[in-house]
Protein backbone atom coordinates (compact mmCIF):
# COMPACT_ATOMS: atom_id res chain seq x y z
CA MET A 1 -18.94 19.10 9.30
CA THR A 2 -18.75 16.95 12.28
CA SER A 3 -16.49 13.75 12.61
CA ASN A 4 -19.29 11.54 13.67
CA ILE A 5 -21.15 12.62 10.37
CA ILE A 6 -17.72 11.85 8.33
CA GLN A 7 -17.46 8.39 9.75
CA ASN A 8 -21.11 7.63 9.27
CA GLU A 9 -20.63 8.72 5.65
CA LYS A 10 -17.54 6.53 5.13
CA LYS A 11 -19.75 3.54 6.76
CA ILE A 12 -22.60 3.51 4.57
CA ALA A 13 -20.66 4.25 1.47
CA GLY A 14 -18.18 1.56 2.20
CA GLU A 15 -20.76 -1.10 3.57
CA LYS A 16 -23.00 -0.17 0.11
CA ALA A 17 -19.85 -1.17 -2.33
CA VAL A 18 -19.68 -4.50 -0.86
CA GLU A 19 -23.42 -4.88 -2.34
CA PHE A 20 -21.85 -5.15 -6.52
CA ILE A 21 -19.48 -8.43 -5.15
CA LYS A 22 -20.38 -11.59 -7.25
CA GLU A 23 -20.05 -15.01 -5.72
CA ASN A 24 -16.65 -16.68 -6.77
CA THR A 25 -14.83 -13.62 -7.71
CA ILE A 26 -11.68 -12.04 -7.07
CA VAL A 27 -12.28 -8.66 -5.29
CA GLY A 28 -9.47 -6.35 -4.47
CA ILE A 29 -9.49 -4.64 -1.62
CA GLY A 30 -7.37 -1.44 -0.79
CA THR A 31 -6.32 0.43 2.10
CA GLY A 32 -7.93 3.44 4.63
CA THR A 33 -10.40 4.15 7.12
CA THR A 34 -13.46 4.28 4.50
CA ILE A 35 -12.46 1.08 2.62
CA TYR A 36 -12.22 -0.52 6.52
CA TYR A 37 -15.88 -0.76 6.38
CA SER A 38 -16.17 -2.46 3.04
CA ILE A 39 -13.34 -5.50 4.80
CA LYS A 40 -15.36 -5.25 7.83
CA LYS A 41 -18.55 -6.36 5.79
CA ILE A 42 -16.89 -8.74 3.25
CA GLY A 43 -15.67 -10.43 6.90
CA GLU A 44 -18.90 -10.80 7.82
CA MET A 45 -20.65 -11.86 4.19
CA VAL A 46 -17.79 -14.37 4.07
CA LYS A 47 -18.64 -15.76 7.20
CA ASP A 48 -22.27 -16.49 6.06
CA GLY A 49 -21.16 -18.43 2.86
CA LEU A 50 -19.80 -16.23 0.29
CA LYS A 51 -17.17 -17.69 -1.72
CA ILE A 52 -14.89 -15.05 -3.24
CA LYS A 53 -10.98 -14.41 -2.98
CA CYS A 54 -9.53 -11.05 -2.21
CA VAL A 55 -6.21 -9.50 -3.23
CA SER A 56 -5.10 -7.18 -0.39
CA THR A 57 -3.17 -3.85 -1.53
CA SER A 58 -1.49 -3.44 1.84
CA ASN A 59 -0.06 -5.15 5.11
CA GLU A 60 -2.21 -3.17 6.96
CA THR A 61 -5.36 -4.60 4.74
CA THR A 62 -3.97 -8.13 5.03
CA LYS A 63 -3.75 -8.00 8.52
CA LEU A 64 -7.47 -6.91 8.65
CA ALA A 65 -8.32 -9.27 6.19
CA LEU A 66 -6.92 -12.32 7.71
CA SER A 67 -8.51 -11.43 11.47
CA LEU A 68 -12.15 -11.69 9.91
CA ASN A 69 -10.90 -14.99 7.90
CA ILE A 70 -11.39 -13.36 4.35
CA PRO A 71 -9.65 -15.65 1.89
CA LEU A 72 -6.55 -13.92 0.27
CA ALA A 73 -4.59 -14.52 -2.92
CA SER A 74 -1.45 -13.08 -4.62
CA LEU A 75 -1.87 -11.21 -7.76
CA ASN A 76 0.94 -13.48 -9.03
CA GLU A 77 -1.59 -16.36 -8.41
CA ILE A 78 -4.77 -15.07 -10.86
CA LYS A 79 -4.82 -13.67 -14.03
CA LYS A 80 -7.35 -10.67 -13.42
CA ILE A 81 -9.47 -9.07 -10.44
CA ASP A 82 -13.06 -8.92 -11.24
CA LEU A 83 -13.84 -5.90 -8.95
CA THR A 84 -11.49 -3.79 -6.86
CA ILE A 85 -13.13 -1.54 -3.66
CA ASP A 86 -10.88 1.40 -2.64
CA GLY A 87 -11.20 4.48 -0.84
CA ALA A 88 -9.69 7.89 -2.61
CA ASP A 89 -8.39 11.06 -0.83
CA GLU A 90 -9.94 13.75 -3.02
CA VAL A 91 -12.39 12.90 -6.69
CA ASP A 92 -12.98 15.41 -8.99
CA LYS A 93 -16.22 15.86 -11.16
CA ASN A 94 -14.37 13.24 -13.97
CA LEU A 95 -13.89 10.60 -11.18
CA ASN A 96 -10.17 11.08 -11.41
CA GLY A 97 -8.68 11.29 -8.32
CA ILE A 98 -5.51 11.87 -5.67
CA LYS A 99 -4.87 8.81 -3.46
CA GLY A 100 -2.17 7.51 -1.50
CA GLY A 101 -2.41 9.26 1.62
CA GLY A 102 -2.22 5.97 3.51
CA GLY A 103 1.11 5.66 1.78
CA ALA A 104 -0.13 2.50 -0.45
CA LEU A 105 -0.32 4.00 -3.58
CA LEU A 106 1.84 2.05 -5.58
CA PHE A 107 0.28 -1.39 -4.56
CA GLU A 108 -3.07 0.17 -4.80
CA LYS A 109 -2.75 1.18 -8.89
CA ILE A 110 -0.98 -2.25 -9.56
CA VAL A 111 -4.19 -3.75 -8.55
CA ALA A 112 -6.27 -1.19 -9.98
CA LEU A 113 -4.80 -1.57 -13.12
CA ASN A 114 -4.97 -5.20 -13.01
CA SER A 115 -9.00 -4.96 -12.33
CA GLU A 116 -12.09 -5.24 -14.69
CA GLU A 117 -14.20 -2.84 -12.62
CA ILE A 118 -12.91 -0.70 -10.02
CA ILE A 119 -15.63 1.28 -7.31
CA TRP A 120 -14.05 3.94 -4.60
CA VAL A 121 -16.05 4.46 -1.62
CA VAL A 122 -15.65 8.49 0.05
CA ASP A 123 -17.41 10.47 2.35
CA SER A 124 -18.97 13.72 0.92
CA THR A 125 -15.93 15.94 2.01
CA LYS A 126 -13.64 14.47 -0.69
CA LEU A 127 -15.55 15.54 -3.65
CA VAL A 128 -14.02 18.58 -5.07
CA LYS A 129 -13.99 20.43 -8.16
CA LYS A 130 -10.40 20.65 -8.70
CA LEU A 131 -7.66 18.19 -7.27
CA GLY A 132 -4.78 19.12 -5.40
CA LYS A 133 -5.47 20.58 -2.35
CA PHE A 134 -4.82 17.29 -0.77
CA PRO A 135 -1.16 16.82 -0.42
CA LEU A 136 -0.26 14.65 -3.84
CA PRO A 137 1.85 11.28 -2.47
CA VAL A 138 4.89 10.66 -4.69
CA GLU A 139 6.51 7.76 -4.38
CA VAL A 140 10.43 7.43 -5.00
CA VAL A 141 13.14 5.18 -4.32
CA PRO A 142 15.09 5.47 -1.28
CA PHE A 143 18.89 6.29 -3.20
CA GLY A 144 19.24 9.80 -3.87
CA TYR A 145 15.76 11.25 -2.76
CA LYS A 146 17.59 14.00 -1.43
CA ASN A 147 18.18 15.22 -4.95
CA LEU A 148 14.56 14.71 -5.90
CA LEU A 149 13.35 16.71 -3.48
CA GLU A 150 15.40 19.47 -4.25
CA LYS A 151 14.15 19.16 -8.25
CA PHE A 152 10.90 19.33 -6.76
CA LYS A 153 11.54 22.29 -5.05
CA GLU A 154 13.06 24.07 -8.14
CA GLU A 155 9.91 23.13 -9.46
CA ASN A 156 7.82 25.22 -7.05
CA PHE A 157 6.08 21.89 -5.72
CA LYS A 158 6.84 22.59 -2.42
CA PRO A 159 7.97 19.20 -1.39
CA VAL A 160 7.54 17.55 2.18
CA LEU A 161 9.40 14.18 2.95
CA ARG A 162 6.70 11.91 4.56
CA LYS A 163 7.96 10.92 8.19
CA THR A 164 5.88 9.21 11.12
CA ARG A 165 7.40 10.64 14.13
CA ASP A 166 11.12 11.44 13.74
CA GLU A 167 11.18 8.61 11.33
CA ILE A 168 11.20 8.59 7.29
CA TYR A 169 8.14 7.02 6.30
CA THR A 170 8.62 3.56 4.20
CA THR A 171 6.23 1.90 2.17
CA ASP A 172 5.24 -1.84 2.14
CA ALA A 173 7.82 -1.80 -1.00
CA GLY A 174 10.39 0.02 1.01
CA HIS A 175 10.39 3.04 -0.83
CA TYR A 176 9.84 6.94 0.55
CA ILE A 177 6.95 9.19 -0.33
CA ILE A 178 7.73 12.64 -0.88
CA ASP A 179 3.97 14.72 -0.48
CA LEU A 180 3.61 17.72 -3.16
CA GLN A 181 1.52 20.78 -1.63
CA LEU A 182 -0.19 21.97 -4.81
CA GLU A 183 -3.25 23.76 -3.92
CA GLU A 184 -4.76 22.81 -7.25
CA ILE A 185 -3.56 20.55 -10.32
CA ASN A 186 -5.11 22.28 -13.64
CA ASP A 187 -4.44 19.08 -15.96
CA PRO A 188 -3.89 16.20 -13.84
CA ALA A 189 -3.06 13.40 -16.87
CA ARG A 190 -0.16 16.25 -18.21
CA PHE A 191 0.94 16.50 -14.61
CA TYR A 192 1.11 13.19 -13.66
CA ASN A 193 3.37 12.37 -16.70
CA HIS A 194 5.78 15.22 -16.14
CA LEU A 195 6.25 13.45 -12.95
CA LYS A 196 7.03 10.21 -14.04
CA CYS A 197 9.88 11.68 -16.32
CA PHE A 198 12.09 12.39 -13.05
CA THR A 199 14.31 9.70 -12.55
CA GLY A 200 13.82 7.92 -9.18
CA VAL A 201 9.98 8.16 -9.33
CA ILE A 202 8.30 5.04 -8.97
CA GLU A 203 4.45 6.47 -8.95
CA ALA A 204 2.45 9.34 -8.44
CA GLY A 205 -0.94 9.21 -6.31
CA LEU A 206 -2.98 10.40 -9.72
CA PHE A 207 -5.08 8.08 -10.51
CA ILE A 208 -6.49 9.43 -14.39
CA ASP A 209 -9.45 7.65 -15.81
CA ILE A 210 -9.12 4.32 -13.77
CA ALA A 211 -12.63 4.31 -11.52
CA ASN A 212 -15.56 3.34 -12.96
CA THR A 213 -17.86 4.08 -10.07
CA VAL A 214 -17.75 6.52 -6.94
CA ILE A 215 -19.78 5.49 -3.98
CA THR A 216 -20.45 8.88 -1.80
CA GLY A 217 -21.79 8.56 1.71
CA ARG A 218 -23.97 12.04 2.06
CA GLY A 219 -25.63 12.36 5.41
CA ASP A 220 -27.39 9.31 5.65
CA LYS A 221 -27.71 8.64 2.31
CA VAL A 222 -25.55 7.34 -0.45
CA GLU A 223 -24.81 8.91 -3.73
CA ILE A 224 -23.67 6.81 -7.14
CA LEU A 225 -21.62 8.39 -9.52
CA LYS A 226 -20.38 6.40 -12.78
CA ARG A 227 -17.97 7.63 -15.14
CA LYS A 228 -19.24 8.87 -18.50
CA ARG A 229 -18.67 6.59 -21.04
CA ILE A 230 -17.32 8.32 -24.51
């Protein structure tokens, strides 16, 4: 699939999601290359008179939102978020996902868990039968991170400390990210709980039973997937 097709799928998915935003609500806005199109569209809607407040999940998103005059609120200033629109790096058939390729997984998860409704926007390449091909981000405290790397190696997680050029990548919260090269995750919920048992792990990029809706760009059309209610 060419990059132009993928970019178009991201654009139409990102722009479709904003149709679910209602007047006078609190909207969480995620981070990434697909949510970029949602934020740009929100900026146009605000300019045309839409009354909302947004909660940002990263410094990058905050900068973009402010440049578009989108009103922002701190999560500490509100009781709940009505709707959050975010991207994902992988999504399986159960609408579980891997997130954190952009490094904002901790703040994204905090915002998600304080949201009434969650929409993920993705291009068609992000839909997978089984999670794990995309490296799983694990956010860790810098103190003792080398010990965690060794423990992950012993578990055969094939860990890689994320770097930007020659510098260790640091999240907006001041943490490091270790990406696990797993290839596949057979039981995402169980594996997530296992990772959280390692002292020093702040959060992992597995988002289980969180998204209500996934909007996917597919060619020049969008496909809307809904979580099955049990």
